[in-house]
Amino acid sequence: MGRHRTDELDGGYRAAEPPSRRRARSSRGRVLVPLAGAVALAVLLGVAAFVIFNRDHDCSDGKLALRVVATPDIQPALNKIAGNYNKAMHSVDSKCVDVTVTKESAARTANAIAAGKSEADFWVADSSLLLESMRAAAGGGDALPRPDGSVALSPVVLATAKTSAAKLEGTLKPSWTALIAAANVANVDGPGRKVRVLALDPQKNSAGLTALLAAAGTAKAAKQDKALVGALKELSGQLASDSSALLASLTVKSGSRVPVGVASEQAVYVHNTRKPEAPIVALYPEEGTLSLDYPMTVLTKDAATLKAAAGFKKELSGDSAKKILREAGFRSADGKAGDNLSKEKGFAQETPQALTPPDAATVTRMVQTWSRLNLGTRLLTLLDVSGTMALPVPGTGMTRMQAINKIATEGLALFPADSELGLWTFSTHLDGQGKDWRELVSVGPVSESINGVLRKETLVRTFAQVQAKATGDTGLNDTVKAAYGQLTKTYKEDKINTLLILTDGAGNDDPDGGLSNAGLLDYLKKTYNPKRPISILLIAFGPEAEKGKQQMDAVAKATGGEAYIAKDVLQVRDFFLQGMERRLCTPNCDG
């Protein structure tokens, strides 16, 4: 047989095929080719997605713990964010990150870090200002690491019960200045007659410290330093333990005065959520305010945990985390509020005006100021009862003695229950031994009983009964030496020891001679010990006072104290507050 030609397939005979089958076969071929390509592409994409997913969510080597510690107010929100983060299976070096969030006060965490005993990898405190104060207390340097970024904000606001808010109109406008005026114990005719101010301890509570710094900055700008001292002395005796206790007390009726306090905006929101039957309204200070800023600090040094911390930190700035924080009553780090902080619920959704945050030196100084103001007081008052104290004070209807006794009685309100106070009078020949002084109330705790009566009440009664000695002169120098010597012998380390002299004379006027001016100065210079300081605060009033100004200044300066002359007897109140201010710098008030 001959060979078959291959070209017969091209030009030779073929069996006829139905046209419809040919078209069908041709159509199927055109469909299958791109379908096969699509399947191949899908397989490739699936493989790629699998690789990418497992690269970011590879838990083949187990878990990597990220231990977060946060202040109690923000811990629940962060715990919820962490739960969502863990479910998403974020991994580092083939280990799934497992975030746990425990709650602990910032002060306790800071102390643990400074002591090298903290096991946390990531820390969210409630205030950068608090960290500054703790850094100063720990000696600065690297005792505490520096934070990096903020999780959320919560402005510190004034607060009162919703039922009381209307009563404040015309009495107290929302401002730090008005709050200081209301709390100033020396401003007996101010808004404090109608408003009772409550505060948080700035040494234990970040909102309390923030409020102190905001008020102090405002007072300094308005030159109200004396008013601030009067307010701080008053507030130090009625501090609330925490925000929840303070806010709860605002809704409790106690007398006729309207209670007003300070707290973070978020704390107000939490109170209203838990106690809707006793709502609190937030009052935003017109000067502006400072905020809790919830700083983030990475503590770990481990390379893998550092990566995990960076990932969680990024998560905290995401939209999902911001939503959770706003739902909990916080503002996001940019100040934006959620629907929970609405006007209908007693809040202002717009971001409050921000005061300029104080620098580290200012924070440190104010913390020290608070500490010194709250050191116990040991004060012996020497009250002049010489004959000129019976002279009238023009325009008052009172004698000098009556006026000074009234002011001294008011001054007793400045001292808390742990103070130690005493009272001597001085003139000439006040007892049978020829002494120029007489002890009326011995120095001791004001809460201690004397013959069944509290020392503080005994002092009030004694001041009211003291009379001027019509024929008495002013035996000042011998009295000062005796009193200063007694305070030196009975010095108390935990208190600020002060000798207060109230006189209307020109200094020493002792017909028997007694200790000379030079002798008194020599005694004080030899006795004064800067490590155990006892300062003399001398306040003189009356037309004769100016004659003795030079000697008065010398006596006070010899002990790191201060001398004041009041042109008006009522100025004594202001000078007494100025003397209280010097407690903040003793014994280095003059450099």
Protein backbone atom coordinates (compact mmCIF):
# COMPACT_ATOMS: atom_id res chain seq x y z
CA MET A 1 0.00 0.00 0.00
CA GLY A 2 1.24 3.48 -0.78
CA ARG A 3 1.81 6.12 1.88
CA HIS A 4 -1.04 8.35 2.96
CA ARG A 5 -0.31 12.01 2.21
CA THR A 6 -0.66 14.26 5.21
CA ASP A 7 -1.98 17.06 3.09
CA GLU A 8 -5.06 15.00 2.38
CA LEU A 9 -6.33 16.31 5.63
CA ASP A 10 -6.10 19.78 4.21
CA GLY A 11 -7.37 19.25 0.72
CA GLY A 12 -8.72 15.73 0.64
CA TYR A 13 -12.10 14.29 1.47
CA ARG A 14 -13.60 14.64 5.00
CA ALA A 15 -16.72 13.23 6.45
CA ALA A 16 -19.28 15.94 6.89
CA GLU A 17 -20.05 17.07 10.51
CA PRO A 18 -23.20 18.68 11.70
CA PRO A 19 -22.67 22.43 11.76
CA SER A 20 -24.25 22.80 15.20
CA ARG A 21 -21.75 20.42 16.86
CA ARG A 22 -18.84 22.24 15.28
CA ARG A 23 -20.08 25.55 16.66
CA ALA A 24 -20.64 24.10 20.10
CA ARG A 25 -17.15 22.62 20.30
CA SER A 26 -15.60 25.85 19.18
CA SER A 27 -17.59 27.90 21.79
CA ARG A 28 -16.64 25.58 24.64
CA GLY A 29 -12.98 25.95 23.82
CA ARG A 30 -13.20 29.70 23.92
CA VAL A 31 -14.84 29.60 27.44
CA LEU A 32 -12.55 26.99 29.02
CA VAL A 33 -9.33 28.83 28.26
CA PRO A 34 -10.07 32.01 30.25
CA LEU A 35 -11.82 29.98 32.98
CA ALA A 36 -8.72 27.94 33.45
CA GLY A 37 -6.71 31.16 33.74
CA ALA A 38 -9.12 32.53 36.33
CA VAL A 39 -8.88 29.35 38.39
CA ALA A 40 -5.13 29.50 38.22
CA LEU A 41 -5.18 33.16 39.29
CA ALA A 42 -7.52 32.40 42.17
CA VAL A 43 -5.25 29.61 43.33
CA LEU A 44 -2.26 31.92 43.19
CA LEU A 45 -4.10 34.69 45.05
CA GLY A 46 -5.30 32.22 47.63
CA VAL A 47 -1.80 30.95 48.20
CA ALA A 48 -0.54 34.53 48.48
CA ALA A 49 -3.32 35.45 50.92
CA PHE A 50 -2.59 32.35 52.96
CA VAL A 51 1.08 33.22 53.10
CA ILE A 52 0.37 36.85 54.03
CA PHE A 53 -2.26 35.92 56.65
CA ASN A 54 -0.04 33.36 58.29
CA ARG A 55 2.91 35.69 58.21
CA ASP A 56 0.92 38.22 60.34
CA HIS A 57 -1.04 35.62 62.34
CA ASP A 58 1.47 32.82 62.75
CA CYS A 59 1.01 31.34 66.22
CA SER A 60 3.03 28.21 65.54
CA ASP A 61 5.44 28.99 68.39
CA GLY A 62 2.79 29.79 70.97
CA LYS A 63 2.01 33.12 72.64
CA LEU A 64 3.94 36.29 73.39
CA ALA A 65 2.65 38.02 76.52
CA LEU A 66 2.34 41.81 76.58
CA ARG A 67 1.62 42.93 80.12
CA VAL A 68 -0.12 46.30 80.24
CA VAL A 69 -0.81 48.15 83.48
CA ALA A 70 -3.24 51.09 83.48
CA THR A 71 -4.92 53.39 85.97
CA PRO A 72 -8.30 52.08 87.20
CA ASP A 73 -10.40 54.65 85.34
CA ILE A 74 -9.18 53.71 81.86
CA GLN A 75 -8.40 50.03 82.46
CA PRO A 76 -11.88 48.68 81.52
CA ALA A 77 -11.80 50.41 78.13
CA LEU A 78 -8.24 49.26 77.43
CA ASN A 79 -9.16 45.74 78.47
CA LYS A 80 -11.95 45.72 75.88
CA ILE A 81 -9.57 47.02 73.21
CA ALA A 82 -7.05 44.34 74.16
CA GLY A 83 -9.69 41.62 73.86
CA ASN A 84 -10.46 42.65 70.28
CA TYR A 85 -6.76 42.87 69.52
CA ASN A 86 -6.12 39.36 70.81
CA LYS A 87 -8.98 37.92 68.72
CA ALA A 88 -7.33 39.33 65.59
CA MET A 89 -4.30 37.08 66.24
CA HIS A 90 -1.48 39.57 65.74
CA SER A 91 1.84 37.78 65.86
CA VAL A 92 5.51 38.55 66.36
CA ASP A 93 8.20 36.03 65.41
CA SER A 94 5.65 33.19 65.01
CA LYS A 95 4.06 33.96 68.38
CA CYS A 96 0.56 35.36 68.83
CA VAL A 97 0.54 38.50 70.96
CA ASP A 98 -1.53 38.04 74.12
CA VAL A 99 -2.32 41.42 75.73
CA THR A 100 -3.48 41.54 79.35
CA VAL A 101 -4.46 44.80 81.05
CA THR A 102 -4.37 45.07 84.83
CA LYS A 103 -5.35 48.12 86.88
CA GLU A 104 -3.11 49.92 89.34
CA SER A 105 -2.79 53.49 90.54
CA ALA A 106 -0.17 55.54 88.74
CA ALA A 107 1.61 56.32 92.00
CA ARG A 108 1.96 52.66 92.88
CA THR A 109 3.21 51.75 89.42
CA ALA A 110 5.68 54.63 89.45
CA ASN A 111 7.07 53.55 92.82
CA ALA A 112 7.44 49.97 91.57
CA ILE A 113 9.26 51.15 88.42
CA ALA A 114 11.61 53.40 90.40
CA ALA A 115 12.39 50.47 92.72
CA GLY A 116 12.97 48.11 89.79
CA LYS A 117 10.10 45.88 90.85
CA SER A 118 7.56 46.45 88.08
CA GLU A 119 6.77 43.52 85.80
CA ALA A 120 4.76 45.61 83.32
CA ASP A 121 5.80 45.93 79.67
CA PHE A 122 3.52 48.84 78.79
CA TRP A 123 2.14 51.52 81.11
CA VAL A 124 -0.80 53.88 80.73
CA ALA A 125 -0.85 56.41 83.58
CA ASP A 126 -3.53 59.09 83.84
CA SER A 127 -1.44 62.27 83.81
CA SER A 128 1.87 63.50 82.44
CA LEU A 129 1.81 66.15 85.18
CA LEU A 130 1.69 63.46 87.83
CA LEU A 131 4.65 61.73 86.21
CA GLU A 132 6.59 65.01 86.32
CA SER A 133 5.93 65.35 90.04
CA MET A 134 6.95 61.74 90.66
CA ARG A 135 10.06 62.13 88.54
CA ALA A 136 11.08 65.08 90.71
CA ALA A 137 10.32 63.16 93.90
CA ALA A 138 12.43 60.24 92.67
CA GLY A 139 15.39 62.51 91.99
CA GLY A 140 14.85 63.03 88.25
CA GLY A 141 17.14 61.39 85.72
CA ASP A 142 16.12 57.94 84.57
CA ALA A 143 14.18 56.98 87.69
CA LEU A 144 11.05 57.00 85.53
CA PRO A 145 11.02 56.57 81.73
CA ARG A 146 9.55 59.27 79.53
CA PRO A 147 6.10 58.65 78.03
CA ASP A 148 5.48 58.73 74.30
CA GLY A 149 2.03 59.73 73.10
CA SER A 150 -1.41 59.92 74.64
CA VAL A 151 -4.29 57.43 74.63
CA ALA A 152 -7.12 59.79 75.54
CA LEU A 153 -8.03 63.06 77.23
CA SER A 154 -10.39 64.00 80.04
CA PRO A 155 -10.57 67.68 81.03
CA VAL A 156 -10.65 68.53 84.74
CA VAL A 157 -13.87 70.42 85.45
CA LEU A 158 -15.83 71.94 88.28
CA ALA A 159 -18.85 69.90 89.27
CA THR A 160 -22.04 70.25 91.24
CA ALA A 161 -25.31 68.39 91.62
CA LYS A 162 -27.80 69.06 88.84
CA THR A 163 -30.35 70.06 91.47
CA SER A 164 -27.94 72.69 92.83
CA ALA A 165 -26.69 74.18 89.56
CA ALA A 166 -29.41 76.84 89.39
CA LYS A 167 -28.50 78.07 92.89
CA LEU A 168 -24.99 78.93 91.74
CA GLU A 169 -26.15 81.49 89.22
CA GLY A 170 -25.19 84.91 90.52
CA THR A 171 -23.12 83.34 93.31
CA LEU A 172 -20.32 81.47 91.62
CA LYS A 173 -19.47 81.58 87.94
CA PRO A 174 -17.53 78.59 86.63
CA SER A 175 -13.92 79.74 86.95
CA TRP A 176 -10.77 78.94 88.87
CA THR A 177 -10.72 82.51 90.18
CA ALA A 178 -14.20 82.18 91.65
CA LEU A 179 -13.36 78.77 93.12
CA ILE A 180 -10.31 80.25 94.90
CA ALA A 181 -12.41 83.12 96.24
CA ALA A 182 -15.04 80.71 97.55
CA ALA A 183 -12.46 78.49 99.25
CA ASN A 184 -10.35 81.33 100.70
CA VAL A 185 -10.93 81.08 104.44
CA ALA A 186 -9.64 84.62 104.94
CA ASN A 187 -12.29 86.05 102.62
CA VAL A 188 -15.04 85.95 105.21
CA ASP A 189 -17.39 88.08 103.12
CA GLY A 190 -16.79 86.24 99.85
CA PRO A 191 -18.76 83.54 98.01
CA GLY A 192 -17.67 81.01 100.62
CA ARG A 193 -20.70 82.11 102.64
CA LYS A 194 -22.91 80.39 100.06
CA VAL A 195 -20.57 77.84 98.47
CA ARG A 196 -18.70 74.94 100.02
CA VAL A 197 -15.69 73.82 97.95
CA LEU A 198 -14.47 70.20 98.00
CA ALA A 199 -11.13 69.06 96.61
CA LEU A 200 -9.16 65.93 95.79
CA ASP A 201 -5.81 65.29 97.46
CA PRO A 202 -3.18 66.32 94.86
CA GLN A 203 -0.67 63.94 96.41
CA LYS A 204 -2.94 60.96 95.78
CA ASN A 205 -5.13 61.91 92.84
CA SER A 206 -4.14 63.13 89.38
CA ALA A 207 -7.33 65.15 88.92
CA GLY A 208 -6.60 66.83 92.24
CA LEU A 209 -3.05 67.71 91.17
CA THR A 210 -4.27 68.97 87.81
CA ALA A 211 -6.89 71.17 89.49
CA LEU A 212 -4.25 72.54 91.88
CA LEU A 213 -1.94 73.43 88.98
CA ALA A 214 -4.76 75.02 86.98
CA ALA A 215 -5.90 77.10 89.97
CA ALA A 216 -2.35 78.09 90.91
CA GLY A 217 -1.52 79.18 87.37
CA THR A 218 -4.68 81.26 87.20
CA ALA A 219 -4.02 82.80 90.62
CA LYS A 220 -0.47 83.75 89.66
CA ALA A 221 -1.65 85.40 86.44
CA ALA A 222 -4.27 87.36 88.41
CA LYS A 223 -1.82 88.17 91.26
CA GLN A 224 -3.98 86.33 93.79
CA ASP A 225 -1.22 84.45 95.61
CA LYS A 226 -2.52 85.32 99.09
CA ALA A 227 -6.02 84.20 98.16
CA LEU A 228 -4.59 80.92 96.87
CA VAL A 229 -2.81 80.30 100.18
CA GLY A 230 -6.04 80.95 102.07
CA ALA A 231 -7.90 78.58 99.76
CA LEU A 232 -5.34 75.81 99.99
CA LYS A 233 -5.29 75.98 103.77
CA GLU A 234 -9.06 75.64 103.82
CA LEU A 235 -9.17 72.81 101.27
CA SER A 236 -6.42 70.81 102.93
CA GLY A 237 -8.79 70.06 105.79
CA GLN A 238 -11.66 68.72 103.68
CA LEU A 239 -10.18 66.50 101.00
CA ALA A 240 -12.12 63.65 99.41
CA SER A 241 -10.38 60.31 99.08
CA ASP A 242 -11.24 59.85 95.41
CA SER A 243 -13.45 61.21 92.64
CA SER A 244 -16.35 58.84 93.28
CA ALA A 245 -16.52 59.84 96.95
CA LEU A 246 -16.31 63.55 96.10
CA LEU A 247 -19.01 63.40 93.43
CA ALA A 248 -21.32 61.37 95.67
CA SER A 249 -20.96 63.97 98.43
CA LEU A 250 -22.08 66.75 96.07
CA THR A 251 -25.57 65.30 96.03
CA VAL A 252 -25.86 65.13 99.82
CA LYS A 253 -27.54 68.11 101.49
CA SER A 254 -25.39 69.56 104.26
CA GLY A 255 -26.34 73.00 105.50
CA SER A 256 -27.32 75.92 103.31
CA ARG A 257 -24.13 76.18 101.25
CA VAL A 258 -24.01 74.67 97.75
CA PRO A 259 -21.24 72.07 97.42
CA VAL A 260 -18.91 72.41 94.42
CA GLY A 261 -16.00 70.12 93.62
CA VAL A 262 -13.43 69.23 91.00
CA ALA A 263 -13.15 66.02 89.02
CA SER A 264 -12.31 64.73 85.57
CA GLU A 265 -15.05 64.91 82.96
CA GLN A 266 -14.93 61.14 82.60
CA ALA A 267 -15.41 60.65 86.34
CA VAL A 268 -18.58 62.76 86.14
CA TYR A 269 -19.81 60.61 83.24
CA VAL A 270 -19.16 57.40 85.21
CA HIS A 271 -20.99 58.78 88.26
CA ASN A 272 -24.03 59.69 86.16
CA THR A 273 -24.02 56.26 84.52
CA ARG A 274 -23.96 54.49 87.86
CA LYS A 275 -26.27 56.87 89.72
CA PRO A 276 -28.70 58.35 87.19
CA GLU A 277 -31.05 59.29 90.01
CA ALA A 278 -28.47 61.78 91.40
CA PRO A 279 -26.85 63.40 88.35
CA ILE A 280 -23.86 65.74 88.40
CA VAL A 281 -23.26 68.51 85.85
CA ALA A 282 -19.82 69.52 84.60
CA LEU A 283 -18.94 73.22 84.82
CA TYR A 284 -16.15 74.32 82.49
CA PRO A 285 -13.86 77.08 83.90
CA GLU A 286 -13.99 80.21 81.77
CA GLU A 287 -10.21 80.66 81.90
CA GLY A 288 -9.71 77.19 80.41
CA THR A 289 -8.49 74.02 82.07
CA LEU A 290 -5.90 71.25 82.07
CA SER A 291 -6.66 67.64 81.17
CA LEU A 292 -5.73 64.15 82.21
CA ASP A 293 -3.87 62.95 79.11
CA TYR A 294 -3.28 59.22 79.78
CA PRO A 295 0.34 59.01 78.58
CA MET A 296 1.72 55.77 77.16
CA THR A 297 5.10 54.48 78.32
CA VAL A 298 6.88 51.40 76.95
CA LEU A 299 8.81 49.72 79.76
CA THR A 300 10.05 46.47 78.24
CA LYS A 301 13.58 46.06 76.90
CA ASP A 302 12.98 42.69 75.20
CA ALA A 303 13.20 42.93 71.39
CA ALA A 304 10.15 40.77 70.60
CA THR A 305 8.02 42.41 73.32
CA LEU A 306 9.03 45.83 71.99
CA LYS A 307 7.52 44.84 68.64
CA ALA A 308 4.35 43.67 70.39
CA ALA A 309 4.17 46.95 72.33
CA ALA A 310 4.56 48.95 69.12
CA GLY A 311 1.71 47.00 67.54
CA PHE A 312 -0.65 47.54 70.48
CA LYS A 313 0.29 51.20 70.68
CA LYS A 314 -0.71 51.58 67.02
CA GLU A 315 -3.98 49.78 67.76
CA LEU A 316 -4.80 52.33 70.49
CA SER A 317 -4.76 55.14 67.93
CA GLY A 318 -7.13 53.33 65.56
CA ASP A 319 -10.78 54.17 64.96
CA SER A 320 -12.07 51.09 66.78
CA ALA A 321 -10.12 51.93 69.93
CA LYS A 322 -11.20 55.57 69.80
CA LYS A 323 -14.82 54.48 69.60
CA ILE A 324 -14.49 52.30 72.69
CA LEU A 325 -12.77 55.10 74.63
CA ARG A 326 -15.45 57.64 73.70
CA GLU A 327 -18.18 55.22 74.73
CA ALA A 328 -16.49 55.06 78.15
CA GLY A 329 -16.70 58.86 78.57
CA PHE A 330 -13.20 59.78 77.44
CA ARG A 331 -12.26 62.12 74.63
CA SER A 332 -9.83 60.89 72.01
CA ALA A 333 -6.31 62.31 72.16
CA ASP A 334 -7.32 65.13 69.80
CA GLY A 335 -10.04 66.27 72.23
CA LYS A 336 -12.99 64.94 70.24
CA ALA A 337 -15.94 63.80 72.35
CA GLY A 338 -18.44 61.05 71.64
CA ASP A 339 -22.22 61.14 71.90
CA ASN A 340 -22.04 60.19 75.59
CA LEU A 341 -20.69 63.65 76.42
CA SER A 342 -23.69 65.53 75.08
CA LYS A 343 -25.23 68.78 76.28
CA GLU A 344 -28.39 66.90 77.22
CA LYS A 345 -26.32 64.79 79.60
CA GLY A 346 -24.67 67.81 81.25
CA PHE A 347 -21.49 68.12 79.19
CA ALA A 348 -20.01 70.34 76.48
CA GLN A 349 -19.10 68.38 73.37
CA GLU A 350 -16.78 71.06 72.03
CA THR A 351 -13.21 70.79 73.27
CA PRO A 352 -12.71 73.06 76.32
CA GLN A 353 -10.14 75.81 76.06
CA ALA A 354 -6.79 74.47 77.20
CA LEU A 355 -4.54 76.27 79.66
CA THR A 356 -0.81 76.15 78.94
CA PRO A 357 0.56 73.12 80.82
CA PRO A 358 3.09 74.07 83.52
CA ASP A 359 6.71 73.08 83.07
CA ALA A 360 8.42 70.49 85.24
CA ALA A 361 9.87 73.10 87.62
CA THR A 362 6.44 74.60 88.25
CA VAL A 363 4.90 71.18 88.89
CA THR A 364 7.66 70.37 91.37
CA ARG A 365 7.31 73.70 93.13
CA MET A 366 3.54 73.36 93.54
CA VAL A 367 3.85 69.81 94.89
CA GLN A 368 6.36 71.09 97.42
CA THR A 369 4.07 74.02 98.20
CA TRP A 370 1.19 71.70 98.97
CA SER A 371 3.41 69.51 101.11
CA ARG A 372 4.70 72.44 103.14
CA LEU A 373 1.29 74.01 103.54
CA ASN A 374 0.11 70.72 104.96
CA LEU A 375 2.95 70.24 107.36
CA GLY A 376 1.64 70.57 110.86
CA THR A 377 1.78 74.00 112.49
CA ARG A 378 3.30 74.81 115.87
CA LEU A 379 2.58 78.45 116.57
CA LEU A 380 2.99 80.53 119.72
CA THR A 381 1.28 83.93 119.55
CA LEU A 382 2.53 86.87 121.61
CA LEU A 383 -0.26 89.43 122.00
CA ASP A 384 0.52 93.00 123.07
CA VAL A 385 -1.75 94.15 125.91
CA SER A 386 0.00 97.44 126.68
CA GLY A 387 -2.10 100.51 127.44
CA THR A 388 -2.27 101.83 123.88
CA MET A 389 -4.18 98.72 122.81
CA ALA A 390 -7.24 100.27 124.48
CA LEU A 391 -7.26 103.15 121.98
CA PRO A 392 -10.09 103.20 119.42
CA VAL A 393 -9.68 102.21 115.78
CA PRO A 394 -11.27 105.01 113.70
CA GLY A 395 -14.30 103.99 111.69
CA THR A 396 -14.71 100.54 113.29
CA GLY A 397 -16.38 101.15 116.64
CA MET A 398 -13.72 98.88 118.17
CA THR A 399 -10.58 99.34 120.22
CA ARG A 400 -7.27 98.10 118.90
CA MET A 401 -7.53 95.16 121.29
CA GLN A 402 -11.02 94.24 120.12
CA ALA A 403 -10.08 94.50 116.45
CA ILE A 404 -6.92 92.42 116.74
CA ASN A 405 -8.70 89.80 118.84
CA LYS A 406 -11.42 89.52 116.19
CA ILE A 407 -8.83 89.02 113.44
CA ALA A 408 -6.84 86.53 115.54
CA THR A 409 -10.00 84.53 116.17
CA GLU A 410 -10.68 84.44 112.43
CA GLY A 411 -7.11 83.25 111.93
CA LEU A 412 -7.74 80.18 114.07
CA ALA A 413 -9.89 78.86 111.23
CA LEU A 414 -6.74 78.54 109.09
CA PHE A 415 -5.33 75.78 111.24
CA PRO A 416 -6.33 72.10 110.89
CA ALA A 417 -6.91 69.75 113.79
CA ASP A 418 -3.28 68.57 113.97
CA SER A 419 -1.97 72.09 114.67
CA GLU A 420 -0.35 73.04 117.97
CA LEU A 421 -1.18 76.56 119.16
CA GLY A 422 -0.57 78.65 122.25
CA LEU A 423 -1.08 82.21 123.49
CA TRP A 424 0.95 84.56 125.68
CA THR A 425 0.20 88.18 126.44
CA PHE A 426 2.93 90.74 127.07
CA SER A 427 3.27 94.24 128.47
CA THR A 428 5.18 94.99 131.69
CA HIS A 429 4.90 93.37 135.10
CA LEU A 430 2.15 90.93 134.20
CA ASP A 431 2.74 88.66 137.18
CA GLY A 432 4.13 88.80 140.67
CA GLN A 433 7.63 87.83 139.60
CA GLY A 434 8.14 90.96 137.55
CA LYS A 435 7.88 89.14 134.21
CA ASP A 436 6.63 91.04 131.19
CA TRP A 437 4.63 88.10 129.84
CA ARG A 438 1.94 85.69 130.95
CA GLU A 439 1.09 82.28 129.46
CA LEU A 440 -2.68 82.15 128.93
CA VAL A 441 -2.88 78.98 126.84
CA SER A 442 0.05 76.58 126.64
CA VAL A 443 1.26 75.39 123.23
CA GLY A 444 -0.38 72.09 122.34
CA PRO A 445 -2.74 70.30 119.94
CA VAL A 446 -5.90 72.31 119.24
CA SER A 447 -7.88 69.07 119.47
CA GLU A 448 -6.61 68.42 123.01
CA SER A 449 -8.82 69.17 125.99
CA ILE A 450 -7.91 71.67 128.70
CA ASN A 451 -10.11 71.23 131.75
CA GLY A 452 -12.74 69.57 129.58
CA VAL A 453 -12.65 72.19 126.80
CA LEU A 454 -10.83 71.81 123.49
CA ARG A 455 -7.73 74.00 123.25
CA LYS A 456 -9.09 75.65 120.09
CA GLU A 457 -12.28 76.67 121.93
CA THR A 458 -10.21 77.82 124.88
CA LEU A 459 -8.20 80.07 122.57
CA VAL A 460 -11.37 81.58 121.09
CA ARG A 461 -12.74 82.35 124.56
CA THR A 462 -9.41 83.70 125.77
CA PHE A 463 -8.98 86.07 122.83
CA ALA A 464 -12.48 87.40 123.46
CA GLN A 465 -11.73 88.10 127.12
CA VAL A 466 -8.24 89.63 126.91
CA GLN A 467 -8.12 93.25 128.08
CA ALA A 468 -5.43 95.89 127.69
CA LYS A 469 -3.44 96.85 130.81
CA ALA A 470 -4.16 100.55 131.17
CA THR A 471 -0.77 101.37 132.77
CA GLY A 472 1.24 98.76 130.87
CA ASP A 473 4.28 99.46 128.70
CA THR A 474 5.75 97.15 126.03
CA GLY A 475 8.29 94.69 127.40
CA LEU A 476 8.87 93.10 124.01
CA ASN A 477 12.51 91.99 124.10
CA ASP A 478 12.42 89.95 127.31
CA THR A 479 9.19 88.32 126.13
CA VAL A 480 10.62 87.38 122.73
CA LYS A 481 13.71 85.82 124.31
CA ALA A 482 11.61 83.75 126.73
CA ALA A 483 9.17 82.59 124.06
CA TYR A 484 11.86 81.80 121.48
CA GLY A 485 13.81 79.84 124.06
CA GLN A 486 10.77 77.73 124.94
CA LEU A 487 9.96 76.97 121.30
CA THR A 488 13.59 75.97 120.73
CA LYS A 489 13.52 73.53 123.65
CA THR A 490 10.21 72.00 122.54
CA TYR A 491 10.87 72.02 118.76
CA LYS A 492 8.80 69.56 116.66
CA GLU A 493 10.46 68.09 113.55
CA ASP A 494 7.19 67.30 111.77
CA LYS A 495 5.83 70.83 112.08
CA ILE A 496 6.62 74.37 111.01
CA ASN A 497 7.55 76.17 114.20
CA THR A 498 6.68 79.87 114.31
CA LEU A 499 6.61 82.73 116.80
CA LEU A 500 3.89 85.26 115.91
CA ILE A 501 4.05 88.73 117.50
CA LEU A 502 1.02 91.06 117.33
CA THR A 503 1.78 94.56 118.62
CA ASP A 504 0.83 98.19 118.13
CA GLY A 505 4.07 99.57 119.56
CA ALA A 506 7.35 100.86 118.18
CA GLY A 507 9.28 97.93 119.64
CA ASN A 508 10.65 97.51 123.15
CA ASP A 509 9.44 100.06 125.71
CA ASP A 510 10.46 98.72 129.10
CA PRO A 511 11.00 101.25 131.91
CA ASP A 512 12.96 98.61 133.86
CA GLY A 513 15.47 98.34 131.02
CA GLY A 514 15.57 94.61 130.40
CA LEU A 515 17.20 93.09 127.35
CA SER A 516 18.49 95.66 124.86
CA ASN A 517 17.76 95.60 121.14
CA ALA A 518 21.35 94.59 120.41
CA GLY A 519 21.18 91.92 123.09
CA LEU A 520 18.03 90.41 121.58
CA LEU A 521 19.55 90.31 118.09
CA ASP A 522 22.69 88.68 119.43
CA TYR A 523 20.60 86.05 121.25
CA LEU A 524 18.51 85.24 118.16
CA LYS A 525 21.53 84.96 115.87
CA LYS A 526 23.20 82.54 118.28
CA THR A 527 20.05 80.49 118.91
CA TYR A 528 18.61 80.25 115.39
CA ASN A 529 19.36 76.88 113.74
CA PRO A 530 18.54 76.61 109.99
CA LYS A 531 18.25 72.83 110.40
CA ARG A 532 15.62 73.34 113.11
CA PRO A 533 14.16 76.69 112.00
CA ILE A 534 11.86 78.76 114.19
CA SER A 535 10.79 81.86 112.30
CA ILE A 536 9.50 85.09 113.80
CA LEU A 537 6.50 86.68 112.11
CA LEU A 538 6.01 90.19 113.49
CA ILE A 539 2.92 92.24 112.65
CA ALA A 540 2.64 95.80 113.99
CA PHE A 541 -0.14 98.32 113.53
CA GLY A 542 -0.88 101.85 114.71
CA PRO A 543 0.84 105.21 114.19
CA GLU A 544 3.73 104.35 116.51
CA ALA A 545 4.73 101.20 114.64
CA GLU A 546 6.78 102.88 111.93
CA LYS A 547 9.30 104.16 114.52
CA GLY A 548 10.44 100.66 115.28
CA LYS A 549 10.49 99.31 111.72
CA GLN A 550 14.27 98.94 111.49
CA GLN A 551 14.51 96.90 114.68
CA MET A 552 11.43 94.87 113.74
CA ASP A 553 13.00 93.91 110.42
CA ALA A 554 16.26 92.94 112.11
CA VAL A 555 14.49 90.72 114.64
CA ALA A 556 12.48 88.93 111.98
CA LYS A 557 15.38 88.53 109.51
CA ALA A 558 17.58 87.03 112.22
CA THR A 559 15.27 83.99 112.14
CA GLY A 560 14.36 83.90 108.44
CA GLY A 561 11.05 85.55 109.22
CA GLU A 562 9.29 88.74 108.16
CA ALA A 563 8.01 91.95 109.72
CA TYR A 564 4.94 93.83 108.52
CA ILE A 565 3.40 97.18 109.40
CA ALA A 566 -0.32 97.57 108.86
CA LYS A 567 -1.52 101.10 108.16
CA ASP A 568 -5.01 99.85 108.95
CA VAL A 569 -5.59 97.25 111.66
CA LEU A 570 -7.74 95.28 109.22
CA GLN A 571 -4.62 94.79 107.07
CA VAL A 572 -3.40 92.38 109.71
CA ARG A 573 -5.49 89.70 108.03
CA ASP A 574 -3.61 90.11 104.73
CA PHE A 575 -0.23 90.20 106.42
CA PHE A 576 -1.03 87.06 108.33
CA LEU A 577 -1.68 85.31 105.00
CA GLN A 578 1.58 86.66 103.63
CA GLY A 579 3.28 85.18 106.64
CA MET A 580 1.62 81.87 105.87
CA GLU A 581 3.08 82.08 102.36
CA ARG A 582 6.57 82.23 103.83
CA ARG A 583 6.00 78.75 105.21
CA LEU A 584 6.51 77.59 101.63
CA CYS A 585 10.13 78.68 101.48
CA THR A 586 11.36 78.51 105.10
CA PRO A 587 14.26 78.48 105.86
CA ASN A 588 15.45 79.77 102.48
CA CYS A 589 12.95 82.56 101.79
CA ASP A 590 15.66 85.14 101.18
CA GLY A 591 17.93 83.06 98.99
